[in-house]
Amino acid sequence: MVFWILSALVVGLILSVVIGADITARKNRKQPKIERIGEVVDKRVNWTEGSSSKTFYITCEFENNERKEIIVRDDKYGLFVVGDKIKVTSQGTWEWVERVVT
């Protein structure tokens, strides 16, 4: 009996996570894509002591002097250098960054 209750709870939890992610993705796809050009002004890595989990950030500044910190994947982090021109594309809660080669 306990096995079935725990199994139902685990399946319910997994389904709620999958359905929640799908709802978020659908909302994001309905949002317009916004592209802005900026410049990398800082980079940093955040990790918890005693853990191998790391989060990579770049800080960019746009033409209107607005700054924004964006999470980037570890394999893209090394491609950005302070002073680089970048294109930041946002769609809902999604954001991605590309270097602008001039």
N, C-alpha and C. Protein backbone atom coordinates (compact mmCIF):
# COMPACT_ATOMS: atom_id res chain seq x y z
N MET A 1 0.82 -1.20 0.00
CA MET A 1 0.00 0.00 0.00
C MET A 1 0.87 1.27 0.00
N VAL A 2 1.88 1.28 0.88
CA VAL A 2 2.77 2.43 0.97
C VAL A 2 3.53 2.61 -0.34
N PHE A 3 3.92 1.50 -0.96
CA PHE A 3 4.63 1.56 -2.23
C PHE A 3 3.80 2.29 -3.28
N TRP A 4 2.52 1.97 -3.38
CA TRP A 4 1.67 2.59 -4.38
C TRP A 4 1.45 4.08 -4.12
N ILE A 5 1.34 4.44 -2.86
CA ILE A 5 1.17 5.85 -2.51
C ILE A 5 2.43 6.63 -2.88
N LEU A 6 3.60 6.10 -2.52
CA LEU A 6 4.86 6.76 -2.88
C LEU A 6 5.05 6.82 -4.39
N SER A 7 4.70 5.76 -5.07
CA SER A 7 4.81 5.74 -6.53
C SER A 7 3.91 6.81 -7.15
N ALA A 8 2.68 6.92 -6.66
CA ALA A 8 1.75 7.92 -7.17
C ALA A 8 2.28 9.33 -6.90
N LEU A 9 2.88 9.56 -5.74
CA LEU A 9 3.44 10.86 -5.42
C LEU A 9 4.61 11.21 -6.35
N VAL A 10 5.48 10.26 -6.61
CA VAL A 10 6.63 10.49 -7.49
C VAL A 10 6.15 10.78 -8.91
N VAL A 11 5.22 9.98 -9.40
CA VAL A 11 4.69 10.20 -10.75
C VAL A 11 3.99 11.55 -10.83
N GLY A 12 3.23 11.92 -9.81
CA GLY A 12 2.56 13.22 -9.78
C GLY A 12 3.55 14.36 -9.78
N LEU A 13 4.63 14.22 -9.03
CA LEU A 13 5.66 15.26 -8.98
C LEU A 13 6.33 15.42 -10.34
N ILE A 14 6.68 14.31 -10.97
CA ILE A 14 7.32 14.36 -12.29
C ILE A 14 6.37 14.99 -13.31
N LEU A 15 5.11 14.60 -13.29
CA LEU A 15 4.14 15.18 -14.23
C LEU A 15 3.96 16.68 -14.00
N SER A 16 3.94 17.12 -12.75
CA SER A 16 3.77 18.55 -12.48
C SER A 16 4.96 19.36 -12.99
N VAL A 17 6.16 18.81 -12.86
CA VAL A 17 7.35 19.50 -13.36
C VAL A 17 7.32 19.58 -14.88
N VAL A 18 6.99 18.49 -15.54
CA VAL A 18 6.95 18.47 -17.00
C VAL A 18 5.86 19.40 -17.52
N ILE A 19 4.69 19.37 -16.92
CA ILE A 19 3.59 20.24 -17.36
C ILE A 19 3.93 21.70 -17.11
N GLY A 20 4.55 22.01 -15.97
CA GLY A 20 4.95 23.39 -15.67
C GLY A 20 5.97 23.90 -16.66
N ALA A 21 6.94 23.07 -17.03
CA ALA A 21 7.95 23.48 -18.01
C ALA A 21 7.31 23.70 -19.38
N ASP A 22 6.35 22.87 -19.73
CA ASP A 22 5.66 23.03 -21.01
C ASP A 22 4.84 24.31 -21.04
N ILE A 23 4.18 24.64 -19.96
CA ILE A 23 3.40 25.88 -19.90
C ILE A 23 4.31 27.10 -20.04
N THR A 24 5.45 27.08 -19.35
CA THR A 24 6.40 28.19 -19.45
C THR A 24 6.93 28.32 -20.88
N ALA A 25 7.28 27.20 -21.51
CA ALA A 25 7.80 27.23 -22.88
C ALA A 25 6.75 27.77 -23.84
N ARG A 26 5.49 27.39 -23.67
CA ARG A 26 4.43 27.90 -24.54
C ARG A 26 4.27 29.41 -24.39
N LYS A 27 4.30 29.88 -23.15
CA LYS A 27 4.19 31.33 -22.91
C LYS A 27 5.36 32.07 -23.55
N ASN A 28 6.58 31.54 -23.41
CA ASN A 28 7.76 32.19 -23.98
C ASN A 28 7.68 32.25 -25.50
N ARG A 29 7.23 31.17 -26.13
CA ARG A 29 7.14 31.15 -27.59
C ARG A 29 6.15 32.18 -28.12
N LYS A 30 5.16 32.55 -27.32
CA LYS A 30 4.17 33.54 -27.75
C LYS A 30 4.68 34.98 -27.63
N GLN A 31 5.76 35.17 -26.88
CA GLN A 31 6.31 36.51 -26.67
C GLN A 31 7.15 36.94 -27.88
N PRO A 32 7.23 38.24 -28.12
CA PRO A 32 8.07 38.70 -29.24
C PRO A 32 9.56 38.57 -28.90
N LYS A 33 10.36 38.39 -29.93
CA LYS A 33 11.82 38.38 -29.74
C LYS A 33 12.30 39.82 -29.73
N ILE A 34 13.11 40.15 -28.73
CA ILE A 34 13.67 41.49 -28.61
C ILE A 34 15.18 41.36 -28.70
N GLU A 35 15.78 42.03 -29.68
CA GLU A 35 17.23 41.99 -29.88
C GLU A 35 17.82 43.35 -29.56
N ARG A 36 18.89 43.34 -28.75
CA ARG A 36 19.57 44.58 -28.39
C ARG A 36 21.08 44.36 -28.49
N ILE A 37 21.78 45.41 -28.87
CA ILE A 37 23.24 45.37 -28.97
C ILE A 37 23.81 45.98 -27.69
N GLY A 38 24.80 45.33 -27.13
CA GLY A 38 25.44 45.83 -25.92
C GLY A 38 26.93 45.53 -25.94
N GLU A 39 27.56 45.80 -24.81
CA GLU A 39 28.99 45.56 -24.65
C GLU A 39 29.23 44.83 -23.34
N VAL A 40 30.10 43.83 -23.37
CA VAL A 40 30.44 43.10 -22.15
C VAL A 40 31.28 44.01 -21.26
N VAL A 41 30.83 44.23 -20.02
CA VAL A 41 31.57 45.08 -19.10
C VAL A 41 32.13 44.30 -17.91
N ASP A 42 31.67 43.05 -17.70
CA ASP A 42 32.19 42.25 -16.60
C ASP A 42 31.80 40.79 -16.80
N LYS A 43 32.56 39.91 -16.17
CA LYS A 43 32.28 38.48 -16.19
C LYS A 43 32.49 37.96 -14.77
N ARG A 44 31.72 36.93 -14.40
CA ARG A 44 31.95 36.31 -13.10
C ARG A 44 31.43 34.88 -13.10
N VAL A 45 31.95 34.12 -12.14
CA VAL A 45 31.52 32.74 -11.95
C VAL A 45 31.06 32.61 -10.50
N ASN A 46 29.92 31.99 -10.30
CA ASN A 46 29.40 31.77 -8.95
C ASN A 46 29.35 30.27 -8.69
N TRP A 47 29.95 29.85 -7.60
CA TRP A 47 29.84 28.44 -7.24
C TRP A 47 29.73 28.33 -5.73
N THR A 48 29.07 27.27 -5.30
CA THR A 48 28.88 27.02 -3.88
C THR A 48 30.08 26.23 -3.38
N GLU A 49 30.63 26.67 -2.26
CA GLU A 49 31.79 25.99 -1.70
C GLU A 49 31.43 24.55 -1.38
N GLY A 50 32.31 23.64 -1.75
CA GLY A 50 32.07 22.22 -1.52
C GLY A 50 31.20 21.57 -2.58
N SER A 51 30.86 22.31 -3.62
CA SER A 51 30.03 21.77 -4.69
C SER A 51 30.73 21.99 -6.03
N SER A 52 30.42 21.15 -6.99
CA SER A 52 31.00 21.34 -8.32
C SER A 52 30.07 22.16 -9.22
N SER A 53 28.94 22.60 -8.70
CA SER A 53 27.98 23.37 -9.47
C SER A 53 28.46 24.80 -9.65
N LYS A 54 28.55 25.26 -10.89
CA LYS A 54 28.99 26.61 -11.19
C LYS A 54 27.97 27.29 -12.10
N THR A 55 27.79 28.59 -11.92
CA THR A 55 26.94 29.39 -12.78
C THR A 55 27.80 30.51 -13.35
N PHE A 56 27.74 30.69 -14.67
CA PHE A 56 28.57 31.67 -15.36
C PHE A 56 27.72 32.86 -15.79
N TYR A 57 28.22 34.06 -15.50
CA TYR A 57 27.48 35.29 -15.79
C TYR A 57 28.35 36.24 -16.61
N ILE A 58 27.70 37.00 -17.49
CA ILE A 58 28.35 38.16 -18.10
C ILE A 58 27.44 39.36 -17.83
N THR A 59 28.06 40.50 -17.60
CA THR A 59 27.31 41.74 -17.42
C THR A 59 27.49 42.55 -18.68
N CYS A 60 26.38 42.98 -19.27
CA CYS A 60 26.46 43.79 -20.48
C CYS A 60 25.81 45.14 -20.25
N GLU A 61 26.29 46.11 -21.00
CA GLU A 61 25.74 47.46 -20.93
C GLU A 61 25.24 47.83 -22.31
N PHE A 62 24.01 48.36 -22.35
CA PHE A 62 23.38 48.73 -23.61
C PHE A 62 23.58 50.21 -23.88
N GLU A 63 23.13 50.67 -25.07
CA GLU A 63 23.33 52.06 -25.48
C GLU A 63 22.71 53.07 -24.51
N ASN A 64 21.63 52.69 -23.82
CA ASN A 64 20.96 53.61 -22.90
C ASN A 64 21.57 53.55 -21.49
N ASN A 65 22.77 52.96 -21.37
CA ASN A 65 23.51 52.80 -20.11
C ASN A 65 22.84 51.83 -19.14
N GLU A 66 21.86 51.08 -19.60
CA GLU A 66 21.26 50.04 -18.77
C GLU A 66 22.20 48.84 -18.73
N ARG A 67 22.37 48.26 -17.55
CA ARG A 67 23.20 47.06 -17.41
C ARG A 67 22.34 45.87 -17.06
N LYS A 68 22.76 44.71 -17.55
CA LYS A 68 22.02 43.49 -17.28
C LYS A 68 23.00 42.34 -17.14
N GLU A 69 22.78 41.51 -16.13
CA GLU A 69 23.61 40.33 -15.93
C GLU A 69 22.87 39.13 -16.52
N ILE A 70 23.57 38.38 -17.35
CA ILE A 70 22.95 37.27 -18.07
C ILE A 70 23.72 35.99 -17.79
N ILE A 71 22.97 34.92 -17.55
CA ILE A 71 23.58 33.61 -17.35
C ILE A 71 23.94 33.03 -18.72
N VAL A 72 25.17 32.52 -18.84
CA VAL A 72 25.60 31.86 -20.07
C VAL A 72 26.10 30.46 -19.75
N ARG A 73 26.08 29.60 -20.74
CA ARG A 73 26.58 28.24 -20.54
C ARG A 73 28.09 28.27 -20.37
N ASP A 74 28.61 27.26 -19.70
CA ASP A 74 30.06 27.22 -19.44
C ASP A 74 30.88 27.13 -20.71
N ASP A 75 30.36 26.47 -21.75
CA ASP A 75 31.13 26.37 -22.99
C ASP A 75 31.12 27.67 -23.79
N LYS A 76 30.22 28.60 -23.50
CA LYS A 76 30.18 29.90 -24.17
C LYS A 76 30.90 30.98 -23.36
N TYR A 77 31.05 30.77 -22.07
CA TYR A 77 31.62 31.78 -21.17
C TYR A 77 33.00 32.25 -21.62
N GLY A 78 33.86 31.33 -22.03
CA GLY A 78 35.21 31.67 -22.44
C GLY A 78 35.30 32.42 -23.76
N LEU A 79 34.21 32.45 -24.52
CA LEU A 79 34.21 33.14 -25.80
C LEU A 79 34.04 34.65 -25.66
N PHE A 80 33.57 35.09 -24.49
CA PHE A 80 33.31 36.51 -24.27
C PHE A 80 34.46 37.16 -23.52
N VAL A 81 34.85 38.35 -23.98
CA VAL A 81 35.92 39.13 -23.36
C VAL A 81 35.34 40.50 -23.05
N VAL A 82 35.75 41.07 -21.92
CA VAL A 82 35.30 42.42 -21.58
C VAL A 82 35.63 43.36 -22.74
N GLY A 83 34.65 44.12 -23.18
CA GLY A 83 34.81 45.02 -24.31
C GLY A 83 34.18 44.49 -25.59
N ASP A 84 33.82 43.20 -25.63
CA ASP A 84 33.18 42.62 -26.82
C ASP A 84 31.81 43.25 -27.04
N LYS A 85 31.46 43.41 -28.30
CA LYS A 85 30.10 43.79 -28.67
C LYS A 85 29.28 42.50 -28.75
N ILE A 86 28.06 42.53 -28.19
CA ILE A 86 27.22 41.35 -28.18
C ILE A 86 25.80 41.70 -28.58
N LYS A 87 25.09 40.68 -29.07
CA LYS A 87 23.66 40.82 -29.35
C LYS A 87 22.93 39.96 -28.33
N VAL A 88 22.05 40.60 -27.55
CA VAL A 88 21.25 39.91 -26.54
C VAL A 88 19.84 39.76 -27.08
N THR A 89 19.38 38.53 -27.19
CA THR A 89 18.03 38.26 -27.67
C THR A 89 17.21 37.73 -26.51
N SER A 90 16.06 38.34 -26.28
CA SER A 90 15.15 37.93 -25.21
C SER A 90 13.82 37.51 -25.81
N GLN A 91 13.23 36.48 -25.26
CA GLN A 91 11.89 36.05 -25.64
C GLN A 91 11.24 35.47 -24.38
N GLY A 92 10.37 36.26 -23.77
CA GLY A 92 9.78 35.84 -22.50
C GLY A 92 10.86 35.77 -21.44
N THR A 93 10.98 34.61 -20.80
CA THR A 93 12.02 34.44 -19.77
C THR A 93 13.32 33.88 -20.36
N TRP A 94 13.32 33.55 -21.65
CA TRP A 94 14.53 33.04 -22.29
C TRP A 94 15.43 34.19 -22.71
N GLU A 95 16.73 33.99 -22.57
CA GLU A 95 17.72 34.96 -23.06
C GLU A 95 18.91 34.21 -23.61
N TRP A 96 19.45 34.70 -24.73
CA TRP A 96 20.68 34.14 -25.26
C TRP A 96 21.52 35.26 -25.83
N VAL A 97 22.82 34.99 -25.88
CA VAL A 97 23.80 36.02 -26.22
C VAL A 97 24.70 35.52 -27.35
N GLU A 98 25.02 36.41 -28.28
CA GLU A 98 25.96 36.09 -29.36
C GLU A 98 26.97 37.21 -29.48
N ARG A 99 28.21 36.85 -29.80
CA ARG A 99 29.22 37.87 -30.07
C ARG A 99 28.94 38.52 -31.41
N VAL A 100 29.17 39.81 -31.50
CA VAL A 100 29.04 40.53 -32.76
C VAL A 100 30.45 40.77 -33.27
N VAL A 101 30.77 40.14 -34.39
CA VAL A 101 32.10 40.28 -34.98
C VAL A 101 32.03 41.39 -36.01
N THR A 102 32.89 42.41 -35.81
CA THR A 102 32.87 43.53 -36.75
C THR A 102 34.07 43.50 -37.66
